Amino acid sequence: MSTIEELQKLSEREDHVEFKKAEHNYPFAGGQKNDPRDRRHCVLGYVVALANERGGRLVLGMADARPHEVVGSDFAENETGNLEDEIYKRLHIRVRTEELYDDKQRRVLVINVPSRPVGKALRFEGVPLMRVGESLREMDDAEYFSIISEQDPDFSSRVCEGLTINDLDTEAIENMRKLIADKQKRADANTIPLKQLLKDLLLINDDGNLKYAALLLLGKSEAINRYLPQANVVIEYRNNQSQVRYSARQEYRLPLFTAIEKIWEYIDQPACNPLLHINDLPRILDCPAFNKETIREALINAMIHRSLQMGADIFIHLYPNMVEISNPGGFPYGVNLGNILTVNSSPRCRLMAEVIEKTGLIERSGQGVDIMFTNCIKEGKPLPDYSYSDDYQVDLRFYGEIPDDAFYLFAQDICHQQELESKLNTFDWLTLHYIWKGKADAGYKESYPKLLEMGLITEDSYFGYVLSARYLQFKSYVKTVAQRYDLNHIQTVYYVIRRNGHASMSDFVDAFDGILTRKQVRNLIEGLCKTPLIASHGNARATRYSWTWLFKE
């Protein structure tokens, strides 16, 4: 807790503090100024600069000249909670505010600013700022490069002083041998001396010193606890997301080659991974809420991308309808939500990732995100959600529900035709997903010609692109109705109604212009009203048509 007396003794530069009078109308984020150099002189600009200095304090309501006379400030008065929230939204750092009063009840606001994340410079309006004298300037190249260089190119390749072969776990070693034998077709993988195998995998150097990658992949629990106690995975299960206390908790401090299966076994319990029932009349199909390959890829990604310089565990929060996996350390440099599928990222633990690749636990380093996205789409589930990530952690959420049985069946039908599935890459699947969601503009333009040629999508005058009638036949009762009506006509009716949730007869007439006469359209719609698919509401020209409950999205 700060005091006014303590603050008055501080020096701005040496004590990482910035004093501003800020009596009235002090700007939060640039104010009304136009010049970028002037806009920086605001609360957000100074918070950025102080965070880039490894943290400090911004003091409003005191003069900058010693002895820092108290003048009082009304900035964020009665709104300090909102201030902290807004700074977090913009910068993803958590500041802490204090309100102090002198003997004349003049208010001083202290904003305690934490350090920026390791290896990342914060920016204000796109510019990394630093304090130079009385000004805020763009960080020079040398300073910026020194910050970027803080990102350890590979923590796992460092020597773990004191670690010996006796500290390695027998079960983990055997699991690794089996994986190498299967992946590399090496007959000697199960018999080669352990020290030679470790040397082949670069887990031990020429002087016989084991590296941190050996500890993380193969180390006994006691050794991990001794050398890297933060290399922990914690699982908490709750019945719903509003539940504060966990219903069950399990901690794992195990080598990766045993941890992966044990963690999955815990997740793959009926309460954590319930079966979803898919309506494919007259059959009912079962699909687990969470896919083993998807969860395994996410776990491995968390383990090879985690920052071991931050003393935090990998956390897995389980719910019946969601799995959340968070690892310490933000996205690697150059990776963000917008390019996560296209940029080539570099794992923080590169040596560890290379060994995992050689054993076949992952196909190729950096491919895990593609697999996770593709699997979720193939199972008709929401996309993996990274939106809760910030500069200090990567937060990945998988949602277990299947909102549309028909899209699940449509995707599975593609998967059952190997020749068809083999032509689709992750971006093609994403394009199908976006078209299904009615967001064709979000798809990848290179995918449209291929998907059109394959008959998976068609062009629509209103939506641009829509899923073909191949998808629609999996909707409840459509197969039966399609025996009497043209499936392409049913598809047109479906998308006309989908535009607004209902449609008039004139909407249908316009949609079938040049295809059916007005009388044929009326006969079609009136006929469909006698099926379980659509229903009519209102009278005469006010009649509107919508899907019945059997056919909801």
Protein backbone atom coordinates (compact mmCIF):
# COMPACT_ATOMS: atom_id res chain seq x y z
CA MET A 1 0.00 0.00 0.00
CA SER A 2 1.46 3.34 -1.05
CA THR A 3 1.45 6.46 1.10
CA ILE A 4 1.71 10.09 0.02
CA GLU A 5 4.77 10.55 2.23
CA GLU A 6 6.52 7.61 0.55
CA LEU A 7 5.66 8.87 -2.94
CA GLN A 8 7.05 12.33 -2.21
CA LYS A 9 10.50 10.81 -1.64
CA LEU A 10 10.63 9.00 -4.99
CA SER A 11 12.55 9.89 -8.13
CA GLU A 12 10.74 9.33 -11.41
CA ARG A 13 13.51 7.60 -13.34
CA GLU A 14 15.26 5.63 -10.58
CA ASP A 15 12.06 4.46 -8.88
CA HIS A 16 10.04 3.76 -12.05
CA VAL A 17 7.29 6.19 -11.22
CA GLU A 18 5.59 8.91 -13.28
CA PHE A 19 3.91 11.90 -11.60
CA LYS A 20 1.17 13.91 -13.31
CA LYS A 21 -0.95 16.71 -11.91
CA ALA A 22 -3.96 15.55 -13.94
CA GLU A 23 -6.29 17.78 -11.95
CA HIS A 24 -9.18 17.81 -14.42
CA ASN A 25 -10.02 16.19 -17.77
CA TYR A 26 -6.80 14.22 -18.05
CA PRO A 27 -7.05 11.98 -21.19
CA PHE A 28 -7.28 8.23 -20.88
CA ALA A 29 -6.40 7.29 -24.47
CA GLY A 30 -5.22 10.24 -26.53
CA GLY A 31 -8.11 12.61 -25.93
CA GLN A 32 -8.95 15.11 -28.69
CA LYS A 33 -5.37 15.56 -29.93
CA ASN A 34 -4.43 14.66 -33.51
CA ASP A 35 -0.62 14.54 -33.43
CA PRO A 36 0.45 10.97 -32.47
CA ARG A 37 3.28 12.39 -30.35
CA ASP A 38 0.80 14.42 -28.31
CA ARG A 39 -1.75 11.62 -28.06
CA ARG A 40 0.78 9.44 -26.23
CA HIS A 41 0.65 11.71 -23.20
CA CYS A 42 -2.32 10.02 -21.58
CA VAL A 43 -2.95 7.35 -18.98
CA LEU A 44 -2.77 4.48 -21.45
CA GLY A 45 0.45 5.79 -23.00
CA TYR A 46 2.21 5.99 -19.64
CA VAL A 47 0.92 2.58 -18.56
CA VAL A 48 2.43 1.11 -21.75
CA ALA A 49 5.79 2.85 -21.16
CA LEU A 50 5.96 1.81 -17.49
CA ALA A 51 5.08 -1.80 -18.34
CA ASN A 52 7.88 -1.78 -20.92
CA GLU A 53 10.24 -0.70 -18.11
CA ARG A 54 9.32 -3.87 -16.21
CA GLY A 55 6.60 -2.13 -14.23
CA GLY A 56 6.16 0.94 -12.08
CA ARG A 57 3.60 3.44 -10.79
CA LEU A 58 1.64 6.18 -12.50
CA VAL A 59 0.63 8.80 -9.91
CA LEU A 60 -2.11 11.27 -10.78
CA GLY A 61 -2.73 14.32 -8.59
CA MET A 62 0.89 15.12 -7.67
CA ALA A 63 3.38 17.47 -9.33
CA ASP A 64 6.35 15.91 -11.08
CA ALA A 65 8.90 18.25 -9.49
CA ARG A 66 10.15 17.32 -6.02
CA PRO A 67 8.77 17.23 -3.40
CA HIS A 68 5.80 16.24 -5.59
CA GLU A 69 3.24 18.59 -4.18
CA VAL A 70 -0.29 17.18 -3.89
CA VAL A 71 -2.75 19.03 -6.14
CA GLY A 72 -5.56 16.45 -6.34
CA SER A 73 -7.06 14.68 -9.35
CA ASP A 74 -10.60 13.75 -10.34
CA PHE A 75 -9.49 11.21 -12.94
CA ALA A 76 -11.63 8.01 -12.78
CA GLU A 77 -13.19 9.18 -9.53
CA ASN A 78 -15.68 6.51 -8.39
CA GLU A 79 -14.73 4.48 -11.48
CA THR A 80 -11.43 2.80 -10.62
CA GLY A 81 -12.91 -0.66 -11.19
CA ASN A 82 -13.98 0.31 -14.70
CA LEU A 83 -10.53 1.81 -15.29
CA GLU A 84 -8.80 -1.46 -14.38
CA ASP A 85 -11.19 -3.39 -16.64
CA GLU A 86 -10.66 -1.05 -19.59
CA ILE A 87 -6.85 -1.22 -19.31
CA TYR A 88 -7.05 -5.00 -19.23
CA LYS A 89 -9.29 -5.08 -22.32
CA ARG A 90 -6.84 -2.93 -24.27
CA LEU A 91 -3.47 -4.16 -23.04
CA HIS A 92 -4.16 -7.53 -21.40
CA ILE A 93 -2.32 -6.57 -18.24
CA ARG A 94 -3.88 -6.24 -14.79
CA VAL A 95 -3.15 -2.94 -13.09
CA ARG A 96 -4.02 -2.23 -9.45
CA THR A 97 -5.30 1.17 -8.37
CA GLU A 98 -5.04 2.96 -5.02
CA GLU A 99 -6.81 6.15 -3.92
CA LEU A 100 -4.96 8.27 -1.34
CA TYR A 101 -6.03 11.49 0.38
CA ASP A 102 -3.92 14.13 2.12
CA ASP A 103 -5.00 16.13 5.20
CA LYS A 104 -6.95 18.52 2.95
CA GLN A 105 -8.83 15.59 1.35
CA ARG A 106 -7.13 16.10 -1.99
CA ARG A 107 -7.27 12.84 -3.96
CA VAL A 108 -4.23 11.04 -5.41
CA LEU A 109 -4.74 8.09 -7.75
CA VAL A 110 -1.93 5.53 -7.96
CA ILE A 111 -1.98 3.05 -10.84
CA ASN A 112 0.38 0.15 -10.11
CA VAL A 113 1.57 -1.21 -13.45
CA PRO A 114 2.99 -4.75 -13.75
CA SER A 115 5.83 -5.73 -16.04
CA ARG A 116 5.19 -6.51 -19.68
CA PRO A 117 5.30 -10.23 -20.62
CA VAL A 118 8.72 -11.76 -21.22
CA GLY A 119 9.85 -11.09 -24.78
CA LYS A 120 6.98 -8.71 -25.67
CA ALA A 121 6.85 -4.94 -25.86
CA LEU A 122 3.46 -3.33 -25.24
CA ARG A 123 2.16 -0.77 -27.74
CA PHE A 124 -0.01 2.32 -27.70
CA GLU A 125 -1.79 2.89 -31.01
CA GLY A 126 0.64 0.49 -32.67
CA VAL A 127 3.82 2.05 -31.24
CA PRO A 128 6.03 0.50 -28.49
CA LEU A 129 6.67 3.38 -26.08
CA MET A 130 9.45 4.22 -23.65
CA ARG A 131 10.07 7.19 -21.36
CA VAL A 132 12.97 9.46 -22.32
CA GLY A 133 13.38 12.44 -20.02
CA GLU A 134 10.03 14.22 -19.90
CA SER A 135 8.75 12.69 -23.13
CA LEU A 136 7.25 9.45 -24.38
CA ARG A 137 9.06 8.21 -27.47
CA GLU A 138 8.90 5.25 -29.79
CA MET A 139 11.23 2.56 -28.52
CA ASP A 140 14.51 2.50 -30.40
CA ASP A 141 15.59 -0.57 -32.38
CA ALA A 142 18.22 -1.66 -29.85
CA GLU A 143 15.78 -1.60 -26.95
CA TYR A 144 13.08 -3.36 -28.93
CA PHE A 145 15.50 -6.07 -30.12
CA SER A 146 16.71 -6.68 -26.56
CA ILE A 147 13.10 -7.31 -25.48
CA ILE A 148 12.39 -9.68 -28.36
CA SER A 149 15.61 -11.52 -27.61
CA GLU A 150 14.34 -12.37 -24.13
CA GLN A 151 12.26 -15.15 -25.66
CA ASP A 152 14.35 -18.21 -24.99
CA PRO A 153 14.85 -19.95 -28.34
CA ASP A 154 14.75 -23.31 -26.60
CA PHE A 155 14.61 -23.79 -22.86
CA SER A 156 14.36 -27.57 -23.26
CA SER A 157 17.80 -27.80 -24.92
CA ARG A 158 19.57 -26.40 -21.86
CA VAL A 159 21.55 -28.75 -19.65
CA CYS A 160 19.69 -29.72 -16.48
CA GLU A 161 22.51 -29.62 -13.95
CA GLY A 162 22.47 -32.65 -11.63
CA LEU A 163 20.00 -34.75 -13.67
CA THR A 164 21.19 -38.33 -14.20
CA ILE A 165 19.94 -41.38 -16.06
CA ASN A 166 18.79 -42.81 -12.72
CA ASP A 167 16.31 -39.90 -12.56
CA LEU A 168 14.50 -41.14 -15.68
CA ASP A 169 11.25 -43.10 -15.48
CA THR A 170 11.31 -46.73 -16.72
CA GLU A 171 7.72 -46.70 -18.02
CA ALA A 172 8.27 -43.46 -19.92
CA ILE A 173 11.45 -44.86 -21.51
CA GLU A 174 9.64 -48.02 -22.60
CA ASN A 175 6.77 -46.00 -24.05
CA MET A 176 9.24 -43.88 -26.00
CA ARG A 177 11.07 -46.97 -27.32
CA LYS A 178 7.81 -48.51 -28.58
CA LEU A 179 6.79 -45.30 -30.30
CA ILE A 180 10.16 -44.95 -32.04
CA ALA A 181 10.05 -48.60 -33.14
CA ASP A 182 6.61 -48.06 -34.70
CA LYS A 183 7.31 -44.66 -36.21
CA GLN A 184 10.82 -45.18 -37.54
CA LYS A 185 10.59 -48.94 -38.13
CA ARG A 186 13.73 -49.35 -36.04
CA ALA A 187 14.16 -52.94 -34.94
CA ASP A 188 16.88 -51.88 -32.48
CA ALA A 189 14.73 -49.25 -30.72
CA ASN A 190 13.88 -51.67 -27.91
CA THR A 191 17.43 -52.96 -27.42
CA ILE A 192 19.76 -50.05 -28.14
CA PRO A 193 21.56 -48.86 -24.97
CA LEU A 194 19.64 -46.05 -23.34
CA LYS A 195 22.56 -43.65 -23.35
CA GLN A 196 23.02 -44.10 -27.10
CA LEU A 197 19.30 -43.63 -27.73
CA LEU A 198 19.34 -40.41 -25.71
CA LYS A 199 22.35 -39.23 -27.69
CA ASP A 200 20.63 -40.04 -31.00
CA LEU A 201 17.70 -37.89 -29.87
CA LEU A 202 20.06 -35.09 -28.70
CA LEU A 203 18.70 -35.40 -25.16
CA ILE A 204 22.24 -35.72 -23.81
CA ASN A 205 25.30 -33.73 -24.87
CA ASP A 206 28.80 -34.93 -25.70
CA ASP A 207 29.85 -34.46 -22.07
CA GLY A 208 27.11 -36.81 -20.87
CA ASN A 209 24.89 -34.07 -19.43
CA LEU A 210 21.15 -34.57 -19.75
CA LYS A 211 19.00 -31.70 -20.98
CA TYR A 212 15.70 -30.33 -19.70
CA ALA A 213 13.90 -32.04 -22.59
CA ALA A 214 14.96 -35.40 -21.12
CA LEU A 215 13.51 -34.36 -17.77
CA LEU A 216 10.19 -33.22 -19.28
CA LEU A 217 9.80 -36.24 -21.54
CA LEU A 218 11.22 -39.01 -19.35
CA GLY A 219 11.93 -37.75 -15.82
CA LYS A 220 10.57 -39.36 -12.68
CA SER A 221 8.04 -37.33 -10.70
CA GLU A 222 10.58 -36.72 -7.93
CA ALA A 223 13.13 -35.39 -10.43
CA ILE A 224 10.59 -33.08 -12.08
CA ASN A 225 9.61 -31.81 -8.64
CA ARG A 226 13.25 -31.16 -7.83
CA TYR A 227 14.34 -29.41 -11.03
CA LEU A 228 11.11 -28.01 -12.57
CA PRO A 229 8.32 -27.98 -9.97
CA GLN A 230 6.28 -25.69 -12.24
CA ALA A 231 6.04 -28.46 -14.88
CA ASN A 232 2.69 -29.54 -13.52
CA VAL A 233 -0.69 -30.31 -15.11
CA VAL A 234 -3.75 -29.66 -12.94
CA ILE A 235 -7.22 -30.93 -13.87
CA GLU A 236 -10.37 -29.63 -12.19
CA TYR A 237 -13.87 -30.90 -12.94
CA ARG A 238 -17.02 -28.87 -12.37
CA ASN A 239 -20.63 -29.73 -13.18
CA ASN A 240 -21.18 -26.33 -14.81
CA GLN A 241 -19.29 -23.11 -15.48
CA SER A 242 -21.01 -21.16 -12.70
CA GLN A 243 -19.79 -23.61 -10.05
CA VAL A 244 -17.04 -21.99 -7.98
CA ARG A 245 -15.62 -24.99 -6.12
CA TYR A 246 -14.42 -27.94 -8.13
CA SER A 247 -16.12 -31.34 -7.80
CA ALA A 248 -12.89 -33.25 -8.44
CA ARG A 249 -9.23 -32.33 -8.83
CA GLN A 250 -6.18 -34.25 -10.04
CA GLU A 251 -2.55 -33.11 -10.34
CA TYR A 252 0.02 -34.69 -12.65
CA ARG A 253 3.75 -34.14 -12.37
CA LEU A 254 4.73 -36.82 -14.85
CA PRO A 255 6.98 -37.19 -17.89
CA LEU A 256 5.14 -36.49 -21.12
CA PHE A 257 5.51 -40.06 -22.41
CA THR A 258 3.31 -41.32 -19.58
CA ALA A 259 1.30 -38.18 -18.83
CA ILE A 260 -0.51 -37.95 -22.18
CA GLU A 261 -2.39 -41.24 -21.81
CA LYS A 262 -3.07 -40.83 -18.09
CA ILE A 263 -4.51 -37.35 -18.59
CA TRP A 264 -6.70 -38.57 -21.45
CA GLU A 265 -7.93 -41.51 -19.33
CA TYR A 266 -9.06 -39.01 -16.71
CA ILE A 267 -10.83 -36.83 -19.26
CA ASP A 268 -12.42 -39.82 -21.01
CA GLN A 269 -14.74 -40.66 -18.12
CA PRO A 270 -18.51 -40.70 -18.70
CA ALA A 271 -19.09 -37.61 -16.55
CA CYS A 272 -16.34 -35.62 -18.29
CA ASN A 273 -16.79 -36.95 -21.82
CA PRO A 274 -20.47 -37.86 -22.27
CA LEU A 275 -21.84 -39.44 -25.42
CA LEU A 276 -23.86 -37.21 -27.72
CA HIS A 277 -26.77 -38.79 -29.57
CA ILE A 278 -27.16 -37.94 -33.26
CA ASN A 279 -30.55 -38.32 -34.90
CA ASP A 280 -30.16 -40.18 -38.22
CA LEU A 281 -33.62 -41.68 -38.51
CA PRO A 282 -34.28 -44.48 -37.97
CA ARG A 283 -30.83 -44.79 -36.36
CA ILE A 284 -29.40 -42.99 -33.35
CA LEU A 285 -25.62 -42.52 -33.60
CA ASP A 286 -23.25 -41.84 -30.70
CA CYS A 287 -20.38 -39.37 -30.73
CA PRO A 288 -18.21 -38.50 -27.70
CA ALA A 289 -18.28 -34.86 -26.67
CA PHE A 290 -14.48 -34.68 -26.96
CA ASN A 291 -12.18 -36.33 -29.48
CA LYS A 292 -9.04 -38.10 -28.24
CA GLU A 293 -6.79 -36.93 -31.07
CA THR A 294 -7.99 -33.34 -30.70
CA ILE A 295 -7.42 -33.22 -26.93
CA ARG A 296 -4.06 -34.97 -27.25
CA GLU A 297 -2.86 -32.43 -29.84
CA ALA A 298 -3.97 -29.60 -27.57
CA LEU A 299 -2.13 -31.10 -24.59
CA ILE A 300 1.08 -31.61 -26.54
CA ASN A 301 0.86 -28.06 -27.89
CA ALA A 302 0.43 -26.75 -24.34
CA MET A 303 3.46 -28.71 -23.15
CA ILE A 304 5.84 -27.67 -25.93
CA HIS A 305 4.69 -24.02 -26.03
CA ARG A 306 4.43 -23.36 -22.30
CA SER A 307 6.80 -20.87 -20.75
CA LEU A 308 8.84 -22.67 -18.11
CA GLN A 309 10.21 -19.32 -16.94
CA MET A 310 6.79 -18.50 -15.53
CA GLY A 311 5.99 -20.36 -12.32
CA ALA A 312 2.54 -21.52 -13.39
CA ASP A 313 0.91 -24.87 -14.12
CA ILE A 314 -0.91 -26.05 -17.20
CA PHE A 315 -4.56 -25.97 -16.15
CA ILE A 316 -7.34 -28.13 -17.58
CA HIS A 317 -10.87 -27.16 -16.59
CA LEU A 318 -13.43 -29.85 -17.38
CA TYR A 319 -17.17 -29.47 -17.75
CA PRO A 320 -19.70 -31.85 -19.33
CA ASN A 321 -19.90 -29.55 -22.38
CA MET A 322 -16.45 -27.91 -22.47
CA VAL A 323 -12.72 -28.57 -22.01
CA GLU A 324 -10.49 -25.57 -21.33
CA ILE A 325 -6.69 -25.96 -21.54
CA SER A 326 -4.47 -23.03 -20.57
CA ASN A 327 -0.70 -22.88 -20.51
CA PRO A 328 1.57 -20.12 -19.16
CA GLY A 329 3.14 -17.84 -21.75
CA GLY A 330 1.25 -16.08 -24.52
CA PHE A 331 1.39 -16.92 -28.21
CA PRO A 332 4.92 -17.23 -29.62
CA TYR A 333 6.30 -14.09 -31.26
CA GLY A 334 4.49 -13.36 -34.52
CA VAL A 335 1.45 -15.56 -33.75
CA ASN A 336 -1.99 -14.08 -33.09
CA LEU A 337 -5.67 -15.03 -33.37
CA GLY A 338 -5.77 -13.91 -36.98
CA ASN A 339 -2.87 -15.99 -38.31
CA ILE A 340 -2.81 -19.02 -36.01
CA LEU A 341 -3.59 -21.38 -38.90
CA THR A 342 -1.22 -19.84 -41.43
CA VAL A 343 1.93 -18.73 -39.59
CA ASN A 344 4.82 -21.12 -38.93
CA SER A 345 5.29 -20.92 -35.18
CA SER A 346 8.36 -21.94 -33.23
CA PRO A 347 7.72 -23.92 -30.02
CA ARG A 348 9.41 -22.62 -26.89
CA CYS A 349 10.65 -26.15 -26.25
CA ARG A 350 11.95 -26.98 -29.73
CA LEU A 351 14.11 -29.98 -28.80
CA MET A 352 11.21 -31.47 -26.89
CA ALA A 353 8.96 -30.95 -29.94
CA GLU A 354 11.50 -32.58 -32.27
CA VAL A 355 11.72 -35.70 -30.10
CA ILE A 356 7.92 -35.94 -29.93
CA GLU A 357 7.80 -35.68 -33.72
CA LYS A 358 10.38 -38.46 -34.12
CA THR A 359 8.27 -40.74 -31.93
CA GLY A 360 5.11 -40.13 -33.96
CA LEU A 361 3.09 -38.57 -31.14
CA ILE A 362 2.66 -35.67 -33.55
CA GLU A 363 2.88 -35.88 -37.34
CA ARG A 364 4.76 -32.64 -37.80
CA SER A 365 5.57 -29.80 -35.45
CA GLY A 366 3.14 -26.94 -36.03
CA GLN A 367 0.43 -29.15 -37.56
CA GLY A 368 -1.54 -29.66 -34.35
CA VAL A 369 -3.74 -26.59 -34.79
CA ASP A 370 -4.80 -27.78 -38.26
CA ILE A 371 -5.77 -31.18 -36.85
CA MET A 372 -7.77 -29.65 -34.00
CA PHE A 373 -9.74 -27.34 -36.30
CA THR A 374 -10.39 -30.06 -38.88
CA ASN A 375 -11.54 -32.61 -36.31
CA CYS A 376 -13.98 -30.16 -34.71
CA ILE A 377 -15.51 -29.35 -38.10
CA LYS A 378 -15.78 -33.01 -39.10
CA GLU A 379 -17.74 -33.65 -35.90
CA GLY A 380 -20.03 -30.67 -36.45
CA LYS A 381 -18.77 -28.89 -33.32
CA PRO A 382 -17.83 -25.24 -32.74
CA LEU A 383 -14.30 -24.27 -33.75
CA PRO A 384 -11.51 -24.36 -31.15
CA ASP A 385 -11.71 -21.07 -29.25
CA TYR A 386 -8.49 -19.14 -28.51
CA SER A 387 -10.27 -15.83 -27.86
CA TYR A 388 -9.67 -15.90 -24.09
CA SER A 389 -5.87 -15.91 -24.54
CA ASP A 390 -3.72 -12.95 -23.55
CA ASP A 391 -0.04 -12.04 -23.35
CA TYR A 392 0.45 -14.23 -20.28
CA GLN A 393 -1.34 -17.42 -21.25
CA VAL A 394 -2.81 -19.32 -24.17
CA ASP A 395 -6.36 -20.35 -23.33
CA LEU A 396 -7.93 -22.95 -25.64
CA ARG A 397 -11.54 -24.09 -25.31
CA PHE A 398 -13.34 -26.99 -26.95
CA TYR A 399 -17.12 -27.10 -26.88
CA GLY A 400 -18.72 -30.53 -26.88
CA GLU A 401 -22.17 -29.81 -28.26
CA ILE A 402 -23.24 -30.61 -31.83
CA PRO A 403 -25.72 -27.85 -32.75
CA ASP A 404 -26.85 -29.36 -36.07
CA ASP A 405 -27.13 -33.13 -36.52
CA ALA A 406 -27.40 -32.67 -40.29
CA PHE A 407 -24.01 -30.98 -40.61
CA TYR A 408 -22.40 -33.72 -38.51
CA LEU A 409 -23.91 -36.36 -40.81
CA PHE A 410 -22.96 -34.34 -43.90
CA ALA A 411 -19.32 -34.11 -42.74
CA GLN A 412 -19.17 -37.76 -41.72
CA ASP A 413 -20.58 -38.77 -45.10
CA ILE A 414 -17.64 -36.97 -46.72
CA CYS A 415 -15.20 -38.69 -44.34
CA HIS A 416 -16.58 -42.12 -45.26
CA GLN A 417 -15.65 -41.50 -48.88
CA GLN A 418 -11.86 -41.61 -48.77
CA GLU A 419 -11.36 -40.33 -52.30
CA LEU A 420 -13.51 -37.30 -51.51
CA GLU A 421 -12.02 -36.59 -48.07
CA SER A 422 -8.42 -36.87 -49.31
CA LYS A 423 -8.96 -33.83 -51.55
CA LEU A 424 -9.96 -31.53 -48.68
CA ASN A 425 -7.46 -29.57 -46.61
CA THR A 426 -8.08 -27.65 -43.39
CA PHE A 427 -9.02 -24.46 -45.25
CA ASP A 428 -11.57 -26.34 -47.37
CA TRP A 429 -13.18 -27.71 -44.21
CA LEU A 430 -13.16 -24.23 -42.68
CA THR A 431 -14.87 -22.86 -45.78
CA LEU A 432 -17.58 -25.52 -45.47
CA HIS A 433 -17.97 -24.57 -41.81
CA TYR A 434 -18.35 -20.86 -42.57
CA ILE A 435 -20.83 -21.54 -45.38
CA TRP A 436 -22.88 -23.71 -43.01
CA LYS A 437 -22.88 -20.82 -40.50
CA GLY A 438 -24.13 -18.44 -43.22
CA LYS A 439 -20.78 -16.59 -43.29
CA ALA A 440 -19.55 -17.50 -46.75
CA ASP A 441 -17.50 -14.30 -46.95
CA ALA A 442 -15.26 -15.64 -44.16
CA GLY A 443 -14.24 -18.65 -46.26
CA TYR A 444 -11.10 -19.05 -48.37
CA LYS A 445 -11.54 -17.98 -51.99
CA GLU A 446 -9.20 -20.73 -53.21
CA SER A 447 -11.58 -23.34 -51.79
CA TYR A 448 -14.76 -22.29 -53.57
CA PRO A 449 -13.96 -23.65 -57.08
CA LYS A 450 -12.88 -27.00 -55.61
CA LEU A 451 -15.96 -27.33 -53.40
CA LEU A 452 -18.26 -26.36 -56.28
CA GLU A 453 -16.64 -28.97 -58.55
CA MET A 454 -16.99 -31.63 -55.85
CA GLY A 455 -20.70 -30.82 -55.49
CA LEU A 456 -20.40 -29.91 -51.80
CA ILE A 457 -21.62 -26.32 -52.26
CA THR A 458 -23.74 -24.40 -54.74
CA GLU A 459 -24.13 -20.72 -55.55
CA ASP A 460 -27.10 -18.80 -54.14
CA SER A 461 -28.31 -15.35 -55.19
CA TYR A 462 -28.80 -14.23 -51.58
CA PHE A 463 -26.14 -16.05 -49.54
CA GLY A 464 -23.47 -16.22 -52.25
CA TYR A 465 -22.58 -19.84 -51.50
CA VAL A 466 -24.59 -22.47 -49.64
CA LEU A 467 -24.14 -26.12 -48.82
CA SER A 468 -25.49 -28.36 -51.55
CA ALA A 469 -28.59 -30.53 -51.35
CA ARG A 470 -26.20 -33.26 -50.19
CA TYR A 471 -26.29 -31.55 -46.78
CA LEU A 472 -30.04 -30.98 -46.77
CA GLN A 473 -30.87 -34.66 -47.21
CA PHE A 474 -29.60 -35.26 -43.68
CA LYS A 475 -32.18 -32.92 -42.17
CA SER A 476 -34.97 -34.70 -40.28
CA TYR A 477 -37.62 -36.17 -42.59
CA VAL A 478 -36.11 -34.62 -45.75
CA LYS A 479 -35.18 -38.03 -47.18
CA THR A 480 -38.79 -39.15 -46.93
CA VAL A 481 -40.21 -35.93 -48.38
CA ALA A 482 -37.59 -35.92 -51.17
CA GLN A 483 -39.16 -39.11 -52.54
CA ARG A 484 -42.11 -36.93 -53.63
CA TYR A 485 -40.44 -33.56 -54.21
CA ASP A 486 -37.27 -32.49 -55.98
CA LEU A 487 -34.49 -32.18 -53.40
CA ASN A 488 -33.11 -29.09 -55.16
CA HIS A 489 -36.54 -27.44 -54.84
CA ILE A 490 -36.60 -28.28 -51.12
CA GLN A 491 -33.17 -26.73 -50.85
CA THR A 492 -34.35 -23.48 -52.44
CA VAL A 493 -37.31 -23.33 -50.04
CA TYR A 494 -34.96 -24.00 -47.12
CA TYR A 495 -32.63 -21.10 -47.91
CA VAL A 496 -35.46 -18.68 -48.71
CA ILE A 497 -36.92 -19.30 -45.24
CA ARG A 498 -33.49 -19.22 -43.62
CA ARG A 499 -32.90 -15.62 -44.70
CA ASN A 500 -35.32 -14.17 -42.14
CA GLY A 501 -36.65 -17.22 -40.32
CA HIS A 502 -39.87 -17.08 -42.37
CA ALA A 503 -40.99 -16.27 -45.93
CA SER A 504 -44.04 -15.20 -47.94
CA MET A 505 -45.38 -16.80 -51.10
CA SER A 506 -43.97 -13.91 -53.14
CA ASP A 507 -40.50 -14.66 -51.71
CA PHE A 508 -40.76 -18.20 -53.08
CA VAL A 509 -42.06 -17.00 -56.45
CA ASP A 510 -39.06 -14.67 -56.79
CA ALA A 511 -36.64 -17.43 -55.82
CA PHE A 512 -38.05 -19.85 -58.42
CA ASP A 513 -38.25 -17.25 -61.18
CA GLY A 514 -37.40 -18.93 -64.47
CA ILE A 515 -37.51 -22.38 -62.83
CA LEU A 516 -41.17 -22.88 -61.82
CA THR A 517 -44.38 -21.06 -62.68
CA ARG A 518 -46.31 -19.24 -59.97
CA LYS A 519 -48.85 -22.08 -59.87
CA GLN A 520 -46.11 -24.71 -59.57
CA VAL A 521 -44.55 -22.74 -56.71
CA ARG A 522 -47.88 -22.55 -54.88
CA ASN A 523 -48.46 -26.29 -55.36
CA LEU A 524 -44.95 -27.01 -54.06
CA ILE A 525 -45.33 -24.87 -50.92
CA GLU A 526 -48.84 -26.09 -50.15
CA GLY A 527 -47.65 -29.66 -50.61
CA LEU A 528 -44.69 -29.15 -48.28
CA CYS A 529 -47.05 -27.71 -45.67
CA LYS A 530 -48.65 -31.15 -45.50
CA THR A 531 -45.29 -32.72 -44.57
CA PRO A 532 -43.37 -32.42 -41.26
CA LEU A 533 -41.06 -29.80 -42.82
CA ILE A 534 -42.83 -26.43 -42.97
CA ALA A 535 -45.87 -24.76 -41.47
CA SER A 536 -47.99 -21.75 -42.46
CA HIS A 537 -49.13 -18.90 -40.22
CA GLY A 538 -51.67 -16.15 -40.98
CA ASN A 539 -54.18 -15.75 -43.79
CA ALA A 540 -54.23 -14.70 -47.45
CA ARG A 541 -51.34 -12.37 -48.35
CA ALA A 542 -50.26 -12.17 -44.71
CA THR A 543 -49.45 -15.89 -44.72
CA ARG A 544 -45.89 -16.67 -43.68
CA TYR A 545 -44.07 -19.98 -43.85
CA SER A 546 -41.47 -21.33 -41.42
CA TRP A 547 -39.81 -24.61 -40.55
CA THR A 548 -41.55 -26.80 -38.01
CA TRP A 549 -39.84 -27.81 -34.75
CA LEU A 550 -38.73 -31.00 -36.50
CA PHE A 551 -36.54 -28.97 -38.81
CA LYS A 552 -35.01 -26.24 -36.67
CA GLU A 553 -31.37 -25.23 -37.02
